[in-house]
Full PDB file with SEQRES, HELIX, SHEET, SSBOND, CRYST1, ORIGX, SCALE, CONECT and MASTER records, all heavy atoms in Angstrom:
SEQRES   1 A   42  ILE ARG SER GLU LEU LYS ASP LEU LEU ARG GLU LEU GLU          
SEQRES   2 A   42  GLU GLU SER ARG GLU ALA GLY ARG SER ALA ALA GLU PRO          
SEQRES   3 A   42  LYS ASP PRO GLY TYR ARG GLY GLN GLY PRO ASP ASP GLY          
SEQRES   4 A   42  ALA ASP SER                                                  
HELIX    1 AA1 ARG A    2  ALA A   24  1                                  23    
CRYST1    1.000    1.000    1.000  90.00  90.00  90.00 P 1           1          
ORIGX1      1.000000  0.000000  0.000000        0.00000                         
ORIGX2      0.000000  1.000000  0.000000        0.00000                         
ORIGX3      0.000000  0.000000  1.000000        0.00000                         
SCALE1      1.000000  0.000000  0.000000        0.00000                         
SCALE2      0.000000  1.000000  0.000000        0.00000                         
SCALE3      0.000000  0.000000  1.000000        0.00000                         
ATOM      1  N   ILE A   1     -22.231 -89.590 -84.185  1.00  0.00           N  
ATOM      2  CA  ILE A   1     -21.367 -88.392 -83.875  1.00  0.00           C  
ATOM      3  C   ILE A   1     -19.994 -88.522 -84.583  1.00  0.00           C  
ATOM      4  O   ILE A   1     -19.479 -87.576 -85.133  1.00  0.00           O  
ATOM      5  CB  ILE A   1     -21.164 -88.239 -82.381  1.00  0.00           C  
ATOM      6  CG1 ILE A   1     -22.452 -87.934 -81.632  1.00  0.00           C  
ATOM      7  CG2 ILE A   1     -20.145 -87.216 -82.047  1.00  0.00           C  
ATOM      8  CD1 ILE A   1     -22.397 -87.954 -80.193  1.00  0.00           C  
ATOM      9  N   ARG A   2     -19.460 -89.730 -84.668  1.00  0.00           N  
ATOM     10  CA  ARG A   2     -18.202 -89.942 -85.360  1.00  0.00           C  
ATOM     11  C   ARG A   2     -18.309 -89.667 -86.863  1.00  0.00           C  
ATOM     12  O   ARG A   2     -17.436 -89.008 -87.395  1.00  0.00           O  
ATOM     13  CB  ARG A   2     -17.750 -91.404 -85.118  1.00  0.00           C  
ATOM     14  CG  ARG A   2     -16.346 -91.700 -85.711  1.00  0.00           C  
ATOM     15  CD  ARG A   2     -16.007 -93.118 -85.395  1.00  0.00           C  
ATOM     16  NE  ARG A   2     -15.939 -93.396 -83.997  1.00  0.00           N  
ATOM     17  CZ  ARG A   2     -15.785 -94.559 -83.467  1.00  0.00           C  
ATOM     18  NH1 ARG A   2     -15.694 -95.662 -84.258  1.00  0.00           N  
ATOM     19  NH2 ARG A   2     -15.664 -94.716 -82.155  1.00  0.00           N  
ATOM     20  N   SER A   3     -19.419 -90.108 -87.465  1.00  0.00           N  
ATOM     21  CA  SER A   3     -19.605 -89.796 -88.858  1.00  0.00           C  
ATOM     22  C   SER A   3     -19.736 -88.336 -89.163  1.00  0.00           C  
ATOM     23  O   SER A   3     -19.231 -87.809 -90.163  1.00  0.00           O  
ATOM     24  CB  SER A   3     -20.822 -90.584 -89.406  1.00  0.00           C  
ATOM     25  OG  SER A   3     -21.948 -90.203 -88.735  1.00  0.00           O  
ATOM     26  N   GLU A   4     -20.522 -87.597 -88.275  1.00  0.00           N  
ATOM     27  CA  GLU A   4     -20.713 -86.209 -88.446  1.00  0.00           C  
ATOM     28  C   GLU A   4     -19.369 -85.506 -88.264  1.00  0.00           C  
ATOM     29  O   GLU A   4     -19.047 -84.527 -89.006  1.00  0.00           O  
ATOM     30  CB  GLU A   4     -21.711 -85.691 -87.403  1.00  0.00           C  
ATOM     31  CG  GLU A   4     -23.127 -86.175 -87.653  1.00  0.00           C  
ATOM     32  CD  GLU A   4     -23.695 -85.572 -88.946  1.00  0.00           C  
ATOM     33  OE1 GLU A   4     -23.345 -84.456 -89.314  1.00  0.00           O  
ATOM     34  OE2 GLU A   4     -24.457 -86.326 -89.645  1.00  0.00           O  
ATOM     35  N   LEU A   5     -18.556 -85.848 -87.316  1.00  0.00           N  
ATOM     36  CA  LEU A   5     -17.278 -85.199 -87.157  1.00  0.00           C  
ATOM     37  C   LEU A   5     -16.356 -85.483 -88.345  1.00  0.00           C  
ATOM     38  O   LEU A   5     -15.556 -84.585 -88.777  1.00  0.00           O  
ATOM     39  CB  LEU A   5     -16.593 -85.715 -85.877  1.00  0.00           C  
ATOM     40  CG  LEU A   5     -17.210 -85.230 -84.550  1.00  0.00           C  
ATOM     41  CD1 LEU A   5     -16.557 -85.938 -83.391  1.00  0.00           C  
ATOM     42  CD2 LEU A   5     -17.206 -83.750 -84.440  1.00  0.00           C  
ATOM     43  N   LYS A   6     -16.433 -86.678 -88.902  1.00  0.00           N  
ATOM     44  CA  LYS A   6     -15.594 -86.969 -90.067  1.00  0.00           C  
ATOM     45  C   LYS A   6     -16.079 -86.110 -91.280  1.00  0.00           C  
ATOM     46  O   LYS A   6     -15.172 -85.570 -91.993  1.00  0.00           O  
ATOM     47  CB  LYS A   6     -15.739 -88.460 -90.444  1.00  0.00           C  
ATOM     48  CG  LYS A   6     -14.967 -89.423 -89.527  1.00  0.00           C  
ATOM     49  CD  LYS A   6     -15.104 -90.815 -89.971  1.00  0.00           C  
ATOM     50  CE  LYS A   6     -14.308 -91.770 -89.030  1.00  0.00           C  
ATOM     51  NZ  LYS A   6     -14.432 -93.192 -89.433  1.00  0.00           N  
ATOM     52  N   ASP A   7     -17.337 -85.931 -91.473  1.00  0.00           N  
ATOM     53  CA  ASP A   7     -17.838 -85.117 -92.542  1.00  0.00           C  
ATOM     54  C   ASP A   7     -17.384 -83.649 -92.367  1.00  0.00           C  
ATOM     55  O   ASP A   7     -16.983 -82.946 -93.290  1.00  0.00           O  
ATOM     56  CB  ASP A   7     -19.361 -85.204 -92.641  1.00  0.00           C  
ATOM     57  CG  ASP A   7     -19.803 -86.595 -93.058  1.00  0.00           C  
ATOM     58  OD1 ASP A   7     -19.002 -87.318 -93.603  1.00  0.00           O  
ATOM     59  OD2 ASP A   7     -21.003 -86.903 -92.794  1.00  0.00           O  
ATOM     60  N   LEU A   8     -17.493 -83.159 -91.068  1.00  0.00           N  
ATOM     61  CA  LEU A   8     -17.064 -81.766 -90.820  1.00  0.00           C  
ATOM     62  C   LEU A   8     -15.568 -81.603 -91.076  1.00  0.00           C  
ATOM     63  O   LEU A   8     -15.097 -80.613 -91.598  1.00  0.00           O  
ATOM     64  CB  LEU A   8     -17.468 -81.393 -89.385  1.00  0.00           C  
ATOM     65  CG  LEU A   8     -17.164 -80.011 -88.953  1.00  0.00           C  
ATOM     66  CD1 LEU A   8     -17.877 -78.986 -89.869  1.00  0.00           C  
ATOM     67  CD2 LEU A   8     -17.524 -79.816 -87.489  1.00  0.00           C  
ATOM     68  N   LEU A   9     -14.824 -82.600 -90.697  1.00  0.00           N  
ATOM     69  CA  LEU A   9     -13.353 -82.498 -90.920  1.00  0.00           C  
ATOM     70  C   LEU A   9     -12.997 -82.531 -92.352  1.00  0.00           C  
ATOM     71  O   LEU A   9     -12.107 -81.822 -92.812  1.00  0.00           O  
ATOM     72  CB  LEU A   9     -12.615 -83.636 -90.157  1.00  0.00           C  
ATOM     73  CG  LEU A   9     -11.137 -83.685 -90.210  1.00  0.00           C  
ATOM     74  CD1 LEU A   9     -10.544 -82.452 -89.632  1.00  0.00           C  
ATOM     75  CD2 LEU A   9     -10.609 -84.953 -89.551  1.00  0.00           C  
ATOM     76  N   ARG A  10     -13.756 -83.339 -93.117  1.00  0.00           N  
ATOM     77  CA  ARG A  10     -13.495 -83.378 -94.579  1.00  0.00           C  
ATOM     78  C   ARG A  10     -13.791 -82.037 -95.213  1.00  0.00           C  
ATOM     79  O   ARG A  10     -13.114 -81.558 -96.080  1.00  0.00           O  
ATOM     80  CB  ARG A  10     -14.300 -84.519 -95.133  1.00  0.00           C  
ATOM     81  CG  ARG A  10     -14.003 -84.819 -96.632  1.00  0.00           C  
ATOM     82  CD  ARG A  10     -14.811 -85.951 -97.184  1.00  0.00           C  
ATOM     83  NE  ARG A  10     -14.616 -87.173 -96.361  1.00  0.00           N  
ATOM     84  CZ  ARG A  10     -15.547 -87.678 -95.521  1.00  0.00           C  
ATOM     85  NH1 ARG A  10     -16.689 -87.030 -95.390  1.00  0.00           N  
ATOM     86  NH2 ARG A  10     -15.307 -88.793 -94.921  1.00  0.00           N  
ATOM     87  N   GLU A  11     -14.932 -81.457 -94.774  1.00  0.00           N  
ATOM     88  CA  GLU A  11     -15.266 -80.122 -95.368  1.00  0.00           C  
ATOM     89  C   GLU A  11     -14.225 -79.057 -95.000  1.00  0.00           C  
ATOM     90  O   GLU A  11     -13.898 -78.233 -95.844  1.00  0.00           O  
ATOM     91  CB  GLU A  11     -16.653 -79.719 -94.886  1.00  0.00           C  
ATOM     92  CG  GLU A  11     -17.793 -80.610 -95.364  1.00  0.00           C  
ATOM     93  CD  GLU A  11     -19.102 -80.141 -94.743  1.00  0.00           C  
ATOM     94  OE1 GLU A  11     -19.156 -79.163 -93.985  1.00  0.00           O  
ATOM     95  OE2 GLU A  11     -20.153 -80.754 -95.138  1.00  0.00           O  
ATOM     96  N   LEU A  12     -13.704 -79.086 -93.820  1.00  0.00           N  
ATOM     97  CA  LEU A  12     -12.669 -78.115 -93.440  1.00  0.00           C  
ATOM     98  C   LEU A  12     -11.403 -78.321 -94.180  1.00  0.00           C  
ATOM     99  O   LEU A  12     -10.747 -77.404 -94.557  1.00  0.00           O  
ATOM    100  CB  LEU A  12     -12.420 -78.232 -91.873  1.00  0.00           C  
ATOM    101  CG  LEU A  12     -13.539 -77.800 -90.985  1.00  0.00           C  
ATOM    102  CD1 LEU A  12     -13.162 -78.060 -89.532  1.00  0.00           C  
ATOM    103  CD2 LEU A  12     -13.807 -76.307 -91.175  1.00  0.00           C  
ATOM    104  N   GLU A  13     -11.065 -79.546 -94.430  1.00  0.00           N  
ATOM    105  CA  GLU A  13      -9.852 -79.825 -95.248  1.00  0.00           C  
ATOM    106  C   GLU A  13     -10.030 -79.360 -96.685  1.00  0.00           C  
ATOM    107  O   GLU A  13      -9.099 -78.781 -97.250  1.00  0.00           O  
ATOM    108  CB  GLU A  13      -9.553 -81.319 -95.219  1.00  0.00           C  
ATOM    109  CG  GLU A  13      -9.084 -81.831 -93.852  1.00  0.00           C  
ATOM    110  CD  GLU A  13      -8.812 -83.337 -93.878  1.00  0.00           C  
ATOM    111  OE1 GLU A  13      -9.173 -83.939 -94.892  1.00  0.00           O  
ATOM    112  OE2 GLU A  13      -8.292 -83.881 -92.843  1.00  0.00           O  
ATOM    113  N   GLU A  14     -11.202 -79.536 -97.281  1.00  0.00           N  
ATOM    114  CA  GLU A  14     -11.461 -79.084 -98.582  1.00  0.00           C  
ATOM    115  C   GLU A  14     -11.390 -77.578 -98.657  1.00  0.00           C  
ATOM    116  O   GLU A  14     -10.785 -76.973 -99.609  1.00  0.00           O  
ATOM    117  CB  GLU A  14     -12.821 -79.625 -99.063  1.00  0.00           C  
ATOM    118  CG  GLU A  14     -12.826 -81.137 -99.347  1.00  0.00           C  
ATOM    119  CD  GLU A  14     -14.204 -81.588 -99.757  1.00  0.00           C  
ATOM    120  OE1 GLU A  14     -15.108 -80.735 -99.809  1.00  0.00           O  
ATOM    121  OE2 GLU A  14     -14.371 -82.744-100.060  1.00  0.00           O  
ATOM    122  N   GLU A  15     -11.952 -76.889 -97.685  1.00  0.00           N  
ATOM    123  CA  GLU A  15     -11.961 -75.437 -97.684  1.00  0.00           C  
ATOM    124  C   GLU A  15     -10.491 -74.883 -97.500  1.00  0.00           C  
ATOM    125  O   GLU A  15     -10.113 -73.905 -98.185  1.00  0.00           O  
ATOM    126  CB  GLU A  15     -12.790 -74.921 -96.555  1.00  0.00           C  
ATOM    127  CG  GLU A  15     -14.277 -75.134 -96.798  1.00  0.00           C  
ATOM    128  CD  GLU A  15     -15.157 -74.566 -95.626  1.00  0.00           C  
ATOM    129  OE1 GLU A  15     -14.567 -74.093 -94.654  1.00  0.00           O  
ATOM    130  OE2 GLU A  15     -16.411 -74.695 -95.720  1.00  0.00           O  
ATOM    131  N   SER A  16      -9.746 -75.518 -96.628  1.00  0.00           N  
ATOM    132  CA  SER A  16      -8.358 -75.079 -96.451  1.00  0.00           C  
ATOM    133  C   SER A  16      -7.544 -75.380 -97.700  1.00  0.00           C  
ATOM    134  O   SER A  16      -6.648 -74.559 -98.107  1.00  0.00           O  
ATOM    135  CB  SER A  16      -7.732 -75.801 -95.237  1.00  0.00           C  
ATOM    136  OG  SER A  16      -7.725 -77.237 -95.444  1.00  0.00           O  
ATOM    137  N   ARG A  17      -7.795 -76.481 -98.421  1.00  0.00           N  
ATOM    138  CA  ARG A  17      -7.075 -76.773 -99.599  1.00  0.00           C  
ATOM    139  C   ARG A  17      -7.413 -75.769-100.735  1.00  0.00           C  
ATOM    140  O   ARG A  17      -6.549 -75.277-101.436  1.00  0.00           O  
ATOM    141  CB  ARG A  17      -7.429 -78.170-100.101  1.00  0.00           C  
ATOM    142  CG  ARG A  17      -6.530 -78.712-101.128  1.00  0.00           C  
ATOM    143  CD  ARG A  17      -6.841 -80.150-101.518  1.00  0.00           C  
ATOM    144  NE  ARG A  17      -6.687 -81.057-100.428  1.00  0.00           N  
ATOM    145  CZ  ARG A  17      -7.738 -81.674 -99.756  1.00  0.00           C  
ATOM    146  NH1 ARG A  17      -8.961 -81.430-100.173  1.00  0.00           N  
ATOM    147  NH2 ARG A  17      -7.458 -82.482 -98.733  1.00  0.00           N  
ATOM    148  N   GLU A  18      -8.684 -75.370-100.879  1.00  0.00           N  
ATOM    149  CA  GLU A  18      -9.054 -74.370-101.889  1.00  0.00           C  
ATOM    150  C   GLU A  18      -8.439 -73.041-101.533  1.00  0.00           C  
ATOM    151  O   GLU A  18      -8.058 -72.254-102.391  1.00  0.00           O  
ATOM    152  CB  GLU A  18     -10.647 -74.281-101.940  1.00  0.00           C  
ATOM    153  CG  GLU A  18     -11.257 -75.508-102.513  1.00  0.00           C  
ATOM    154  CD  GLU A  18     -12.749 -75.401-102.550  1.00  0.00           C  
ATOM    155  OE1 GLU A  18     -13.261 -74.372-102.043  1.00  0.00           O  
ATOM    156  OE2 GLU A  18     -13.447 -76.347-103.024  1.00  0.00           O  
ATOM    157  N   ALA A  19      -8.442 -72.645-100.263  1.00  0.00           N  
ATOM    158  CA  ALA A  19      -7.873 -71.387 -99.855  1.00  0.00           C  
ATOM    159  C   ALA A  19      -6.350 -71.374-100.183  1.00  0.00           C  
ATOM    160  O   ALA A  19      -5.827 -70.322-100.658  1.00  0.00           O  
ATOM    161  CB  ALA A  19      -8.089 -71.131 -98.371  1.00  0.00           C  
ATOM    162  N   GLY A  20      -5.663 -72.417 -99.961  1.00  0.00           N  
ATOM    163  CA  GLY A  20      -4.253 -72.508-100.270  1.00  0.00           C  
ATOM    164  C   GLY A  20      -3.990 -72.425-101.740  1.00  0.00           C  
ATOM    165  O   GLY A  20      -3.003 -71.819-102.231  1.00  0.00           O  
ATOM    166  N   ARG A  21      -4.866 -73.117-102.579  1.00  0.00           N  
ATOM    167  CA  ARG A  21      -4.702 -73.026-104.016  1.00  0.00           C  
ATOM    168  C   ARG A  21      -4.907 -71.639-104.583  1.00  0.00           C  
ATOM    169  O   ARG A  21      -4.241 -71.188-105.447  1.00  0.00           O  
ATOM    170  CB  ARG A  21      -5.676 -74.016-104.625  1.00  0.00           C  
ATOM    171  CG  ARG A  21      -5.375 -74.195-106.131  1.00  0.00           C  
ATOM    172  CD  ARG A  21      -6.426 -75.169-106.788  1.00  0.00           C  
ATOM    173  NE  ARG A  21      -6.391 -76.487-106.113  1.00  0.00           N  
ATOM    174  CZ  ARG A  21      -7.348 -76.965-105.364  1.00  0.00           C  
ATOM    175  NH1 ARG A  21      -8.438 -76.176-105.129  1.00  0.00           N  
ATOM    176  NH2 ARG A  21      -7.247 -78.164-104.863  1.00  0.00           N  
ATOM    177  N   SER A  22      -5.900 -70.943-104.059  1.00  0.00           N  
ATOM    178  CA  SER A  22      -6.202 -69.569-104.519  1.00  0.00           C  
ATOM    179  C   SER A  22      -5.073 -68.630-104.124  1.00  0.00           C  
ATOM    180  O   SER A  22      -4.762 -67.687-104.767  1.00  0.00           O  
ATOM    181  CB  SER A  22      -7.508 -69.136-103.997  1.00  0.00           C  
ATOM    182  OG  SER A  22      -7.527 -69.047-102.583  1.00  0.00           O  
ATOM    183  N   ALA A  23      -4.466 -68.866-102.941  1.00  0.00           N  
ATOM    184  CA  ALA A  23      -3.399 -67.940-102.530  1.00  0.00           C  
ATOM    185  C   ALA A  23      -2.021 -68.241-103.290  1.00  0.00           C  
ATOM    186  O   ALA A  23      -1.242 -67.369-103.425  1.00  0.00           O  
ATOM    187  CB  ALA A  23      -3.109 -68.146-101.017  1.00  0.00           C  
ATOM    188  N   ALA A  24      -1.912 -69.402-103.868  1.00  0.00           N  
ATOM    189  CA  ALA A  24      -0.643 -69.743-104.598  1.00  0.00           C  
ATOM    190  C   ALA A  24      -0.711 -69.309-106.067  1.00  0.00           C  
ATOM    191  O   ALA A  24       0.313 -69.269-106.671  1.00  0.00           O  
ATOM    192  CB  ALA A  24      -0.439 -71.243-104.538  1.00  0.00           C  
ATOM    193  N   GLU A  25      -1.838 -68.891-106.700  1.00  0.00           N  
ATOM    194  CA  GLU A  25      -1.866 -68.438-108.027  1.00  0.00           C  
ATOM    195  C   GLU A  25      -1.246 -67.037-108.148  1.00  0.00           C  
ATOM    196  O   GLU A  25      -1.521 -66.116-107.361  1.00  0.00           O  
ATOM    197  CB  GLU A  25      -3.384 -68.332-108.453  1.00  0.00           C  
ATOM    198  CG  GLU A  25      -4.020 -69.753-108.575  1.00  0.00           C  
ATOM    199  CD  GLU A  25      -5.478 -69.586-108.990  1.00  0.00           C  
ATOM    200  OE1 GLU A  25      -5.917 -68.466-109.115  1.00  0.00           O  
ATOM    201  OE2 GLU A  25      -6.120 -70.628-109.278  1.00  0.00           O  
ATOM    202  N   PRO A  26      -0.281 -66.730-109.220  1.00  0.00           N  
ATOM    203  CA  PRO A  26       0.400 -65.473-109.367  1.00  0.00           C  
ATOM    204  C   PRO A  26      -0.546 -64.381-109.995  1.00  0.00           C  
ATOM    205  O   PRO A  26      -1.456 -64.730-110.783  1.00  0.00           O  
ATOM    206  CB  PRO A  26       1.545 -65.745-110.272  1.00  0.00           C  
ATOM    207  CG  PRO A  26       1.104 -66.972-111.070  1.00  0.00           C  
ATOM    208  CD  PRO A  26       0.235 -67.787-110.152  1.00  0.00           C  
ATOM    209  N   LYS A  27      -0.291 -63.032-109.714  1.00  0.00           N  
ATOM    210  CA  LYS A  27      -1.104 -61.958-110.269  1.00  0.00           C  
ATOM    211  C   LYS A  27      -0.184 -61.078-111.170  1.00  0.00           C  
ATOM    212  O   LYS A  27       0.914 -60.862-110.885  1.00  0.00           O  
ATOM    213  CB  LYS A  27      -1.656 -61.137-109.121  1.00  0.00           C  
ATOM    214  CG  LYS A  27      -2.667 -61.904-108.285  1.00  0.00           C  
ATOM    215  CD  LYS A  27      -3.256 -60.998-107.186  1.00  0.00           C  
ATOM    216  CE  LYS A  27      -4.291 -61.743-106.352  1.00  0.00           C  
ATOM    217  NZ  LYS A  27      -4.835 -60.834-105.345  1.00  0.00           N  
ATOM    218  N   ASP A  28      -0.775 -60.505-112.324  1.00  0.00           N  
ATOM    219  CA  ASP A  28      -0.126 -59.697-113.303  1.00  0.00           C  
ATOM    220  C   ASP A  28       0.029 -58.223-112.712  1.00  0.00           C  
ATOM    221  O   ASP A  28      -1.022 -57.616-112.427  1.00  0.00           O  
ATOM    222  CB  ASP A  28      -0.876 -59.628-114.618  1.00  0.00           C  
ATOM    223  CG  ASP A  28      -0.030 -58.928-115.705  1.00  0.00           C  
ATOM    224  OD1 ASP A  28       1.144 -58.553-115.446  1.00  0.00           O  
ATOM    225  OD2 ASP A  28      -0.640 -58.817-116.801  1.00  0.00           O  
ATOM    226  N   PRO A  29       1.211 -57.700-112.522  1.00  0.00           N  
ATOM    227  CA  PRO A  29       1.321 -56.386-111.963  1.00  0.00           C  
ATOM    228  C   PRO A  29       0.907 -55.264-112.919  1.00  0.00           C  
ATOM    229  O   PRO A  29       0.528 -54.216-112.461  1.00  0.00           O  
ATOM    230  CB  PRO A  29       2.840 -56.244-111.607  1.00  0.00           C  
ATOM    231  CG  PRO A  29       3.504 -57.202-112.496  1.00  0.00           C  
ATOM    232  CD  PRO A  29       2.583 -58.333-112.713  1.00  0.00           C  
ATOM    233  N   GLY A  30       1.012 -55.470-114.203  1.00  0.00           N  
ATOM    234  CA  GLY A  30       0.614 -54.466-115.182  1.00  0.00           C  
ATOM    235  C   GLY A  30      -0.898 -54.369-115.460  1.00  0.00           C  
ATOM    236  O   GLY A  30      -1.324 -53.531-116.215  1.00  0.00           O  
ATOM    237  N   TYR A  31      -1.557 -55.343-114.945  1.00  0.00           N  
ATOM    238  CA  TYR A  31      -2.942 -55.435-115.213  1.00  0.00           C  
ATOM    239  C   TYR A  31      -3.706 -54.421-114.308  1.00  0.00           C  
ATOM    240  O   TYR A  31      -3.514 -54.472-113.064  1.00  0.00           O  
ATOM    241  CB  TYR A  31      -3.472 -56.846-114.972  1.00  0.00           C  
ATOM    242  CG  TYR A  31      -4.915 -57.030-115.132  1.00  0.00           C  
ATOM    243  CD1 TYR A  31      -5.447 -57.050-116.413  1.00  0.00           C  
ATOM    244  CD2 TYR A  31      -5.763 -57.207-114.028  1.00  0.00           C  
ATOM    245  CE1 TYR A  31      -6.840 -57.189-116.551  1.00  0.00           C  
ATOM    246  CE2 TYR A  31      -7.110 -57.365-114.188  1.00  0.00           C  
ATOM    247  CZ  TYR A  31      -7.634 -57.357-115.451  1.00  0.00           C  
ATOM    248  OH  TYR A  31      -8.970 -57.598-115.585  1.00  0.00           O  
ATOM    249  N   ARG A  32      -4.465 -53.558-114.915  1.00  0.00           N  
ATOM    250  CA  ARG A  32      -5.168 -52.527-114.238  1.00  0.00           C  
ATOM    251  C   ARG A  32      -6.718 -52.724-114.192  1.00  0.00           C  
ATOM    252  O   ARG A  32      -7.416 -51.953-113.627  1.00  0.00           O  
ATOM    253  CB  ARG A  32      -4.876 -51.132-114.740  1.00  0.00           C  
ATOM    254  CG  ARG A  32      -3.389 -50.808-114.699  1.00  0.00           C  
ATOM    255  CD  ARG A  32      -3.229 -49.379-115.264  1.00  0.00           C  
ATOM    256  NE  ARG A  32      -1.790 -48.972-115.117  1.00  0.00           N  
ATOM    257  CZ  ARG A  32      -1.321 -47.822-115.572  1.00  0.00           C  
ATOM    258  NH1 ARG A  32      -2.115 -46.931-116.132  1.00  0.00           N  
ATOM    259  NH2 ARG A  32      -0.018 -47.563-115.439  1.00  0.00           N  
ATOM    260  N   GLY A  33      -7.050 -53.766-114.906  1.00  0.00           N  
ATOM    261  CA  GLY A  33      -8.469 -54.006-114.939  1.00  0.00           C  
ATOM    262  C   GLY A  33      -9.253 -53.134-115.827  1.00  0.00           C  
ATOM    263  O   GLY A  33     -10.432 -52.896-115.630  1.00  0.00           O  
ATOM    264  N   GLN A  34      -8.596 -52.501-116.927  1.00  0.00           N  
ATOM    265  CA  GLN A  34      -9.254 -51.660-117.831  1.00  0.00           C  
ATOM    266  C   GLN A  34      -9.719 -52.419-119.097  1.00  0.00           C  
ATOM    267  O   GLN A  34      -8.935 -53.212-119.657  1.00  0.00           O  
ATOM    268  CB  GLN A  34      -8.374 -50.497-118.322  1.00  0.00           C  
ATOM    269  CG  GLN A  34      -7.956 -49.566-117.207  1.00  0.00           C  
ATOM    270  CD  GLN A  34      -7.054 -48.475-117.654  1.00  0.00           C  
ATOM    271  OE1 GLN A  34      -6.641 -48.485-118.841  1.00  0.00           O  
ATOM    272  NE2 GLN A  34      -6.731 -47.503-116.748  1.00  0.00           N  
ATOM    273  N   GLY A  35     -10.923 -52.223-119.497  1.00  0.00           N  
ATOM    274  CA  GLY A  35     -11.419 -52.899-120.696  1.00  0.00           C  
ATOM    275  C   GLY A  35     -11.167 -52.125-121.910  1.00  0.00           C  
ATOM    276  O   GLY A  35     -10.673 -51.027-121.910  1.00  0.00           O  
ATOM    277  N   PRO A  36     -11.486 -52.684-123.050  1.00  0.00           N  
ATOM    278  CA  PRO A  36     -11.264 -51.998-124.339  1.00  0.00           C  
ATOM    279  C   PRO A  36     -12.110 -50.758-124.481  1.00  0.00           C  
ATOM    280  O   PRO A  36     -11.928 -49.930-125.340  1.00  0.00           O  
ATOM    281  CB  PRO A  36     -11.578 -53.048-125.442  1.00  0.00           C  
ATOM    282  CG  PRO A  36     -12.438 -54.034-124.733  1.00  0.00           C  
ATOM    283  CD  PRO A  36     -12.031 -54.042-123.257  1.00  0.00           C  
ATOM    284  N   ASP A  37     -13.270 -50.721-123.721  1.00  0.00           N  
ATOM    285  CA  ASP A  37     -14.196 -49.648-123.903  1.00  0.00           C  
ATOM    286  C   ASP A  37     -13.860 -48.483-122.979  1.00  0.00           C  
ATOM    287  O   ASP A  37     -14.515 -47.428-123.046  1.00  0.00           O  
ATOM    288  CB  ASP A  37     -15.648 -50.069-123.537  1.00  0.00           C  
ATOM    289  CG  ASP A  37     -16.109 -51.109-124.631  1.00  0.00           C  
ATOM    290  OD1 ASP A  37     -15.590 -51.025-125.722  1.00  0.00           O  
ATOM    291  OD2 ASP A  37     -17.054 -51.893-124.262  1.00  0.00           O  
ATOM    292  N   ASP A  38     -12.819 -48.661-122.095  1.00  0.00           N  
ATOM    293  CA  ASP A  38     -12.428 -47.575-121.182  1.00  0.00           C  
ATOM    294  C   ASP A  38     -11.684 -46.522-121.998  1.00  0.00           C  
ATOM    295  O   ASP A  38     -10.645 -46.803-122.567  1.00  0.00           O  
ATOM    296  CB  ASP A  38     -11.572 -48.052-120.040  1.00  0.00           C  
ATOM    297  CG  ASP A  38     -12.433 -48.950-119.145  1.00  0.00           C  
ATOM    298  OD1 ASP A  38     -13.658 -48.878-119.178  1.00  0.00           O  
ATOM    299  OD2 ASP A  38     -11.801 -49.831-118.447  1.00  0.00           O  
ATOM    300  N   GLY A  39     -12.131 -45.219-122.099  1.00  0.00           N  
ATOM    301  CA  GLY A  39     -11.532 -44.142-122.971  1.00  0.00           C  
ATOM    302  C   GLY A  39     -10.555 -43.289-122.204  1.00  0.00           C  
ATOM    303  O   GLY A  39     -10.028 -42.376-122.769  1.00  0.00           O  
ATOM    304  N   ALA A  40     -10.336 -43.524-120.907  1.00  0.00           N  
ATOM    305  CA  ALA A  40      -9.444 -42.664-120.116  1.00  0.00           C  
ATOM    306  C   ALA A  40      -8.408 -43.472-119.478  1.00  0.00           C  
ATOM    307  O   ALA A  40      -8.575 -44.623-119.100  1.00  0.00           O  
ATOM    308  CB  ALA A  40     -10.227 -41.891-119.100  1.00  0.00           C  
ATOM    309  N   ASP A  41      -7.219 -42.889-119.323  1.00  0.00           N  
ATOM    310  CA  ASP A  41      -6.088 -43.481-118.629  1.00  0.00           C  
ATOM    311  C   ASP A  41      -6.149 -43.172-117.175  1.00  0.00           C  
ATOM    312  O   ASP A  41      -7.165 -42.629-116.669  1.00  0.00           O  
ATOM    313  CB  ASP A  41      -4.755 -43.085-119.254  1.00  0.00           C  
ATOM    314  CG  ASP A  41      -4.601 -41.564-119.208  1.00  0.00           C  
ATOM    315  OD1 ASP A  41      -5.558 -40.924-118.721  1.00  0.00           O  
ATOM    316  OD2 ASP A  41      -3.582 -41.042-119.720  1.00  0.00           O  
ATOM    317  N   SER A  42      -5.017 -43.438-116.458  1.00  0.00           N  
ATOM    318  CA  SER A  42      -5.055 -43.229-114.999  1.00  0.00           C  
ATOM    319  C   SER A  42      -5.092 -41.715-114.726  1.00  0.00           C  
ATOM    320  O   SER A  42      -5.476 -41.328-113.650  1.00  0.00           O  
ATOM    321  CB  SER A  42      -3.793 -43.806-114.392  1.00  0.00           C  
ATOM    322  OG  SER A  42      -2.632 -43.167-115.015  1.00  0.00           O  
TER     323      SER A  42                                                      
MASTER        0    0    0    1    0    0    0    6  322    1    0    4          
END                                                                             
């Protein structure tokens, strides 16, 4: 039981670490997600 709890705690720590890393990355405000093939504006 102790080993299973340690594995579960390790997985939770890794998931929380990945979630914090993805939340800390900055986003481009001018980026609209349009590709070169899009022929129309907003």
